[in-house]
C-alpha atoms as a PDB file:
ATOM      1  CA  UNK A   1       1.879-134.526  -7.391  1.00  0.00           C
ATOM      2  CA  UNK A   2      -1.909-134.493  -6.999  1.00  0.00           C
ATOM      3  CA  UNK A   3      -4.622-132.491  -7.021  1.00  0.00           C
ATOM      4  CA  UNK A   4      -5.681-133.080  -3.255  1.00  0.00           C
ATOM      5  CA  UNK A   5      -4.534-129.752  -2.216  1.00  0.00           C
ATOM      6  CA  UNK A   6      -7.802-128.239  -1.566  1.00  0.00           C
ATOM      7  CA  UNK A   7      -9.074-131.350  -0.337  1.00  0.00           C
ATOM      8  CA  UNK A   8     -11.286-132.676  -2.996  1.00  0.00           C
ATOM      9  CA  UNK A   9     -10.873-135.944  -2.338  1.00  0.00           C
ATOM     10  CA  UNK A  10     -12.618-135.836   0.949  1.00  0.00           C
ATOM     11  CA  UNK A  11     -15.398-134.707  -0.832  1.00  0.00           C
ATOM     12  CA  UNK A  12     -15.518-137.090  -3.421  1.00  0.00           C
ATOM     13  CA  UNK A  13     -14.702-139.732  -1.396  1.00  0.00           C
ATOM     14  CA  UNK A  14     -17.715-138.724   0.904  1.00  0.00           C
ATOM     15  CA  UNK A  15     -20.128-138.562  -2.758  1.00  0.00           C
ATOM     16  CA  UNK A  16     -19.152-141.663  -3.704  1.00  0.00           C
ATOM     17  CA  UNK A  17     -19.875-143.700   0.055  1.00  0.00           C
ATOM     18  CA  UNK A  18     -23.261-141.881  -0.737  1.00  0.00           C
ATOM     19  CA  UNK A  19     -23.630-143.935  -4.469  1.00  0.00           C
ATOM     20  CA  UNK A  20     -22.151-140.995  -6.680  1.00  0.00           C
ATOM     21  CA  UNK A  21     -20.469-142.592  -9.609  1.00  0.00           C
ATOM     22  CA  UNK A  22     -19.292-139.517 -11.192  1.00  0.00           C
ATOM     23  CA  UNK A  23     -17.069-138.646  -7.721  1.00  0.00           C
ATOM     24  CA  UNK A  24     -16.205-141.708  -7.174  1.00  0.00           C
ATOM     25  CA  UNK A  25     -14.609-141.889 -10.621  1.00  0.00           C
ATOM     26  CA  UNK A  26     -12.875-138.369 -10.384  1.00  0.00           C
ATOM     27  CA  UNK A  27     -10.996-139.220  -7.342  1.00  0.00           C
ATOM     28  CA  UNK A  28      -9.762-142.774  -8.339  1.00  0.00           C
ATOM     29  CA  UNK A  29      -8.443-141.023 -11.624  1.00  0.00           C
ATOM     30  CA  UNK A  30      -6.931-138.112  -9.685  1.00  0.00           C
ATOM     31  CA  UNK A  31      -5.481-140.602  -7.198  1.00  0.00           C
ATOM     32  CA  UNK A  32      -3.278-142.244  -9.332  1.00  0.00           C
ATOM     33  CA  UNK A  33      -0.513-140.294  -9.590  1.00  0.00           C
ATOM     34  CA  UNK A  34      -0.373-140.541  -6.212  1.00  0.00           C
ATOM     35  CA  UNK A  35      -0.486-144.186  -6.006  1.00  0.00           C
ATOM     36  CA  UNK A  36       1.298-144.992  -8.803  1.00  0.00           C
ATOM     37  CA  UNK A  37       4.712-143.370  -6.813  1.00  0.00           C
ATOM     38  CA  UNK A  38       3.806-145.169  -3.645  1.00  0.00           C
ATOM     39  CA  UNK A  39       4.126-147.883  -5.740  1.00  0.00           C
ATOM     40  CA  UNK A  40       7.317-146.936  -7.753  1.00  0.00           C
ATOM     41  CA  UNK A  41       8.482-146.617  -4.618  1.00  0.00           C
ATOM     42  CA  UNK A  42       8.486-149.138  -2.985  1.00  0.00           C
ATOM     43  CA  UNK A  43       8.102-151.944  -5.534  1.00  0.00           C
ATOM     44  CA  UNK A  44      10.974-151.863  -8.205  1.00  0.00           C
ATOM     45  CA  UNK A  45       9.761-153.853 -10.900  1.00  0.00           C
ATOM     46  CA  UNK A  46       7.580-151.969 -13.189  1.00  0.00           C
ATOM     47  CA  UNK A  47       4.708-154.894 -14.154  1.00  0.00           C
ATOM     48  CA  UNK A  48       4.601-155.389  -9.968  1.00  0.00           C
ATOM     49  CA  UNK A  49       4.136-152.235  -9.638  1.00  0.00           C
ATOM     50  CA  UNK A  50       1.107-151.248 -11.222  1.00  0.00           C
ATOM     51  CA  UNK A  51      -0.574-154.566 -10.055  1.00  0.00           C
ATOM     52  CA  UNK A  52       0.202-153.370  -6.694  1.00  0.00           C
ATOM     53  CA  UNK A  53      -1.561-149.549  -8.153  1.00  0.00           C
ATOM     54  CA  UNK A  54      -4.573-152.449  -9.238  1.00  0.00           C
ATOM     55  CA  UNK A  55      -4.673-154.233  -6.226  1.00  0.00           C
ATOM     56  CA  UNK A  56      -5.079-150.929  -4.290  1.00  0.00           C
ATOM     57  CA  UNK A  57      -8.160-149.713  -6.546  1.00  0.00           C
ATOM     58  CA  UNK A  58      -9.712-152.791  -5.544  1.00  0.00           C
ATOM     59  CA  UNK A  59      -9.189-152.305  -2.005  1.00  0.00           C
ATOM     60  CA  UNK A  60     -10.470-148.908  -2.373  1.00  0.00           C
ATOM     61  CA  UNK A  61     -13.221-150.342  -3.479  1.00  0.00           C
ATOM     62  CA  UNK A  62     -13.774-152.906  -1.247  1.00  0.00           C
ATOM     63  CA  UNK A  63     -13.116-150.843   1.545  1.00  0.00           C
ATOM     64  CA  UNK A  64     -15.488-147.186   0.434  1.00  0.00           C
ATOM     65  CA  UNK A  65     -17.382-148.236   3.189  1.00  0.00           C
ATOM     66  CA  UNK A  66     -15.439-147.948   5.710  1.00  0.00           C
ATOM     67  CA  UNK A  67     -13.939-144.422   5.289  1.00  0.00           C
ATOM     68  CA  UNK A  68     -15.032-142.451   7.623  1.00  0.00           C
ATOM     69  CA  UNK A  69     -15.311-138.974   6.287  1.00  0.00           C
ATOM     70  CA  UNK A  70     -15.028-136.700   9.564  1.00  0.00           C
ATOM     71  CA  UNK A  71     -10.876-137.852   8.685  1.00  0.00           C
ATOM     72  CA  UNK A  72      -8.854-136.926   5.526  1.00  0.00           C
ATOM     73  CA  UNK A  73      -9.139-139.168   2.433  1.00  0.00           C
ATOM     74  CA  UNK A  74      -5.609-138.561   1.440  1.00  0.00           C
ATOM     75  CA  UNK A  75      -4.173-140.441   3.994  1.00  0.00           C
ATOM     76  CA  UNK A  76      -6.885-143.768   4.175  1.00  0.00           C
ATOM     77  CA  UNK A  77      -6.169-143.647   0.469  1.00  0.00           C
ATOM     78  CA  UNK A  78      -1.491-143.371   1.024  1.00  0.00           C
ATOM     79  CA  UNK A  79      -2.452-146.472   4.429  1.00  0.00           C
ATOM     80  CA  UNK A  80      -3.896-148.705   1.400  1.00  0.00           C
ATOM     81  CA  UNK A  81      -1.514-148.523  -1.248  1.00  0.00           C
ATOM     82  CA  UNK A  82       1.209-149.070   1.335  1.00  0.00           C
ATOM     83  CA  UNK A  83       0.002-152.018   2.590  1.00  0.00           C
ATOM     84  CA  UNK A  84      -0.607-153.320  -0.735  1.00  0.00           C
ATOM     85  CA  UNK A  85       2.861-153.122  -1.696  1.00  0.00           C
ATOM     86  CA  UNK A  86       3.927-154.419   1.541  1.00  0.00           C
ATOM     87  CA  UNK A  87       1.960-157.530   0.638  1.00  0.00           C
ATOM     88  CA  UNK A  88       2.549-157.990  -2.832  1.00  0.00           C
ATOM     89  CA  UNK A  89       6.361-157.801  -1.944  1.00  0.00           C
ATOM     90  CA  UNK A  90       5.600-160.517   0.896  1.00  0.00           C
ATOM     91  CA  UNK A  91       4.049-162.724  -1.922  1.00  0.00           C
ATOM     92  CA  UNK A  92       6.824-162.546  -4.211  1.00  0.00           C
ATOM     93  CA  UNK A  93       9.135-163.053  -1.202  1.00  0.00           C
ATOM     94  CA  UNK A  94       7.254-166.641  -0.736  1.00  0.00           C
ATOM     95  CA  UNK A  95       7.338-167.550  -4.312  1.00  0.00           C
ATOM     96  CA  UNK A  96      10.730-166.709  -5.586  1.00  0.00           C
ATOM     97  CA  UNK A  97      12.157-169.072  -4.230  1.00  0.00           C
ATOM     98  CA  UNK A  98      10.534-172.081  -5.352  1.00  0.00           C
ATOM     99  CA  UNK A  99      10.098-170.350  -8.951  1.00  0.00           C
ATOM    100  CA  UNK A 100      12.017-171.030 -12.365  1.00  0.00           C
ATOM    101  CA  UNK A 101      12.149-169.009 -14.726  1.00  0.00           C
ATOM    102  CA  UNK A 102      11.208-171.297 -18.125  1.00  0.00           C
ATOM    103  CA  UNK A 103      13.386-170.355 -21.370  1.00  0.00           C
ATOM    104  CA  UNK A 104      12.441-172.047 -24.207  1.00  0.00           C
ATOM    105  CA  UNK A 105      16.044-171.789 -25.752  1.00  0.00           C
ATOM    106  CA  UNK A 106      17.898-173.280 -23.386  1.00  0.00           C
ATOM    107  CA  UNK A 107      17.195-176.714 -24.435  1.00  0.00           C
ATOM    108  CA  UNK A 108      18.172-176.142 -27.562  1.00  0.00           C
ATOM    109  CA  UNK A 109      21.148-174.980 -26.221  1.00  0.00           C
ATOM    110  CA  UNK A 110      22.558-177.249 -23.481  1.00  0.00           C
ATOM    111  CA  UNK A 111      21.065-180.158 -23.532  1.00  0.00           C
ATOM    112  CA  UNK A 112      21.513-183.189 -21.262  1.00  0.00           C
ATOM    113  CA  UNK A 113      24.252-185.493 -22.816  1.00  0.00           C
ATOM    114  CA  UNK A 114      22.296-188.644 -24.546  1.00  0.00           C
ATOM    115  CA  UNK A 115      19.611-185.679 -25.688  1.00  0.00           C
ATOM    116  CA  UNK A 116      19.937-186.043 -29.476  1.00  0.00           C
ATOM    117  CA  UNK A 117      18.414-183.466 -32.272  1.00  0.00           C
ATOM    118  CA  UNK A 118      15.282-186.451 -32.704  1.00  0.00           C
ATOM    119  CA  UNK A 119      14.207-186.727 -28.352  1.00  0.00           C
ATOM    120  CA  UNK A 120      14.049-182.396 -28.761  1.00  0.00           C
ATOM    121  CA  UNK A 121      11.566-182.013 -31.762  1.00  0.00           C
ATOM    122  CA  UNK A 122       9.876-185.150 -30.059  1.00  0.00           C
ATOM    123  CA  UNK A 123       9.808-183.250 -26.515  1.00  0.00           C
ATOM    124  CA  UNK A 124       8.427-179.813 -28.247  1.00  0.00           C
ATOM    125  CA  UNK A 125       6.076-181.632 -30.042  1.00  0.00           C
ATOM    126  CA  UNK A 126       4.557-183.137 -27.419  1.00  0.00           C
ATOM    127  CA  UNK A 127       4.143-179.570 -25.911  1.00  0.00           C
ATOM    128  CA  UNK A 128       2.454-178.283 -28.776  1.00  0.00           C
ATOM    129  CA  UNK A 129       0.368-180.896 -28.792  1.00  0.00           C
ATOM    130  CA  UNK A 130      -0.766-180.806 -24.719  1.00  0.00           C
ATOM    131  CA  UNK A 131      -0.816-176.725 -25.291  1.00  0.00           C
ATOM    132  CA  UNK A 132      -3.713-177.382 -28.444  1.00  0.00           C
ATOM    133  CA  UNK A 133      -5.309-179.335 -25.637  1.00  0.00           C
ATOM    134  CA  UNK A 134      -9.100-177.720 -24.362  1.00  0.00           C
ATOM    135  CA  UNK A 135      -8.172-176.520 -20.298  1.00  0.00           C
ATOM    136  CA  UNK A 136     -10.137-178.637 -18.776  1.00  0.00           C
ATOM    137  CA  UNK A 137      -8.365-181.867 -20.956  1.00  0.00           C
ATOM    138  CA  UNK A 138      -4.883-180.223 -20.197  1.00  0.00           C
ATOM    139  CA  UNK A 139      -5.574-179.473 -16.159  1.00  0.00           C
ATOM    140  CA  UNK A 140      -6.957-183.470 -15.687  1.00  0.00           C
ATOM    141  CA  UNK A 141      -3.707-184.540 -17.423  1.00  0.00           C
ATOM    142  CA  UNK A 142      -1.537-182.029 -15.243  1.00  0.00           C
ATOM    143  CA  UNK A 143      -3.045-182.983 -12.219  1.00  0.00           C
ATOM    144  CA  UNK A 144      -4.067-186.903 -12.284  1.00  0.00           C
ATOM    145  CA  UNK A 145      -1.018-188.125 -14.682  1.00  0.00           C
ATOM    146  CA  UNK A 146       1.768-185.563 -14.224  1.00  0.00           C
ATOM    147  CA  UNK A 147       1.298-184.666 -10.628  1.00  0.00           C
ATOM    148  CA  UNK A 148       0.059-187.621  -9.686  1.00  0.00           C
ATOM    149  CA  UNK A 149      -2.486-186.483  -7.588  1.00  0.00           C
ATOM    150  CA  UNK A 150      -5.437-188.962  -5.908  1.00  0.00           C
ATOM    151  CA  UNK A 151      -8.424-188.568  -7.575  1.00  0.00           C
ATOM    152  CA  UNK A 152     -10.257-186.670  -5.073  1.00  0.00           C
ATOM    153  CA  UNK A 153      -7.817-184.327  -4.489  1.00  0.00           C
ATOM    154  CA  UNK A 154      -7.224-184.032  -8.211  1.00  0.00           C
ATOM    155  CA  UNK A 155     -11.327-183.307  -8.805  1.00  0.00           C
ATOM    156  CA  UNK A 156     -11.429-180.639  -5.563  1.00  0.00           C
ATOM    157  CA  UNK A 157      -8.384-178.689  -7.237  1.00  0.00           C
ATOM    158  CA  UNK A 158     -10.012-178.401 -10.822  1.00  0.00           C
ATOM    159  CA  UNK A 159     -13.307-178.044 -10.003  1.00  0.00           C
ATOM    160  CA  UNK A 160     -14.575-181.166 -11.851  1.00  0.00           C
ATOM    161  CA  UNK A 161     -16.473-184.470 -10.644  1.00  0.00           C
ATOM    162  CA  UNK A 162     -14.209-187.597 -10.512  1.00  0.00           C
ATOM    163  CA  UNK A 163     -15.898-188.910 -13.578  1.00  0.00           C
ATOM    164  CA  UNK A 164     -15.634-185.746 -15.349  1.00  0.00           C
ATOM    165  CA  UNK A 165     -11.814-185.846 -14.445  1.00  0.00           C
ATOM    166  CA  UNK A 166     -11.454-189.623 -15.499  1.00  0.00           C
ATOM    167  CA  UNK A 167     -13.245-188.479 -18.904  1.00  0.00           C
ATOM    168  CA  UNK A 168     -11.001-185.372 -19.760  1.00  0.00           C
ATOM    169  CA  UNK A 169      -7.820-187.135 -18.553  1.00  0.00           C
ATOM    170  CA  UNK A 170      -8.787-190.227 -20.960  1.00  0.00           C
ATOM    171  CA  UNK A 171      -9.625-187.688 -23.825  1.00  0.00           C
ATOM    172  CA  UNK A 172      -6.275-185.895 -23.369  1.00  0.00           C
ATOM    173  CA  UNK A 173      -3.773-188.922 -23.451  1.00  0.00           C
ATOM    174  CA  UNK A 174      -6.523-190.475 -26.325  1.00  0.00           C
ATOM    175  CA  UNK A 175      -5.934-186.856 -28.219  1.00  0.00           C
ATOM    176  CA  UNK A 176      -2.305-187.289 -27.901  1.00  0.00           C
ATOM    177  CA  UNK A 177      -1.627-191.013 -28.996  1.00  0.00           C
ATOM    178  CA  UNK A 178      -3.527-189.778 -32.410  1.00  0.00           C
ATOM    179  CA  UNK A 179      -1.210-186.474 -32.657  1.00  0.00           C
ATOM    180  CA  UNK A 180       2.059-188.482 -32.281  1.00  0.00           C
ATOM    181  CA  UNK A 181       0.874-191.568 -33.816  1.00  0.00           C
ATOM    182  CA  UNK A 182       1.317-193.310 -31.048  1.00  0.00           C
ATOM    183  CA  UNK A 183      -0.369-197.294 -31.677  1.00  0.00           C
ATOM    184  CA  UNK A 184      -3.481-197.888 -28.709  1.00  0.00           C
ATOM    185  CA  UNK A 185      -1.422-200.970 -26.712  1.00  0.00           C
ATOM    186  CA  UNK A 186      -5.367-201.931 -26.266  1.00  0.00           C
END
């Protein structure tokens, strides 16, 4: 599986701690099969497993200074990989109950009673118009209008000042009215 039978990882990891970029690169490339094997054994979803591998590589990078060269590298690396997989599974367990998959085709197949084809077209046009807004305007619209957060909280979550949040929300609504042909009531 991996080529660490002769303890090369130990030397590469110690050299990486001393600043040897080539040794660090060799170590990371050489340990990838082990990391992927651990992730695939622990995490069934392929994309999640690859994310766990990436998390492991980042953790190795952050924790490089904590490695004790008197100890073998392989168990240290494997332990990090195991823990990143467990973290990913825990995170997934916490969020899976609150997430609903979005299926764009579901609305066309089973529309609620009273929803006409015109309503579906209008909904699609609104979603498309919102998607075309700049990111700051979409965020401001979502937080201030859709989630109906107080301005201070919406400001903190968006990273925009209260004034910038108000301006972005106003511009978003004005753009949407213009794109959708809605008369301004003022």
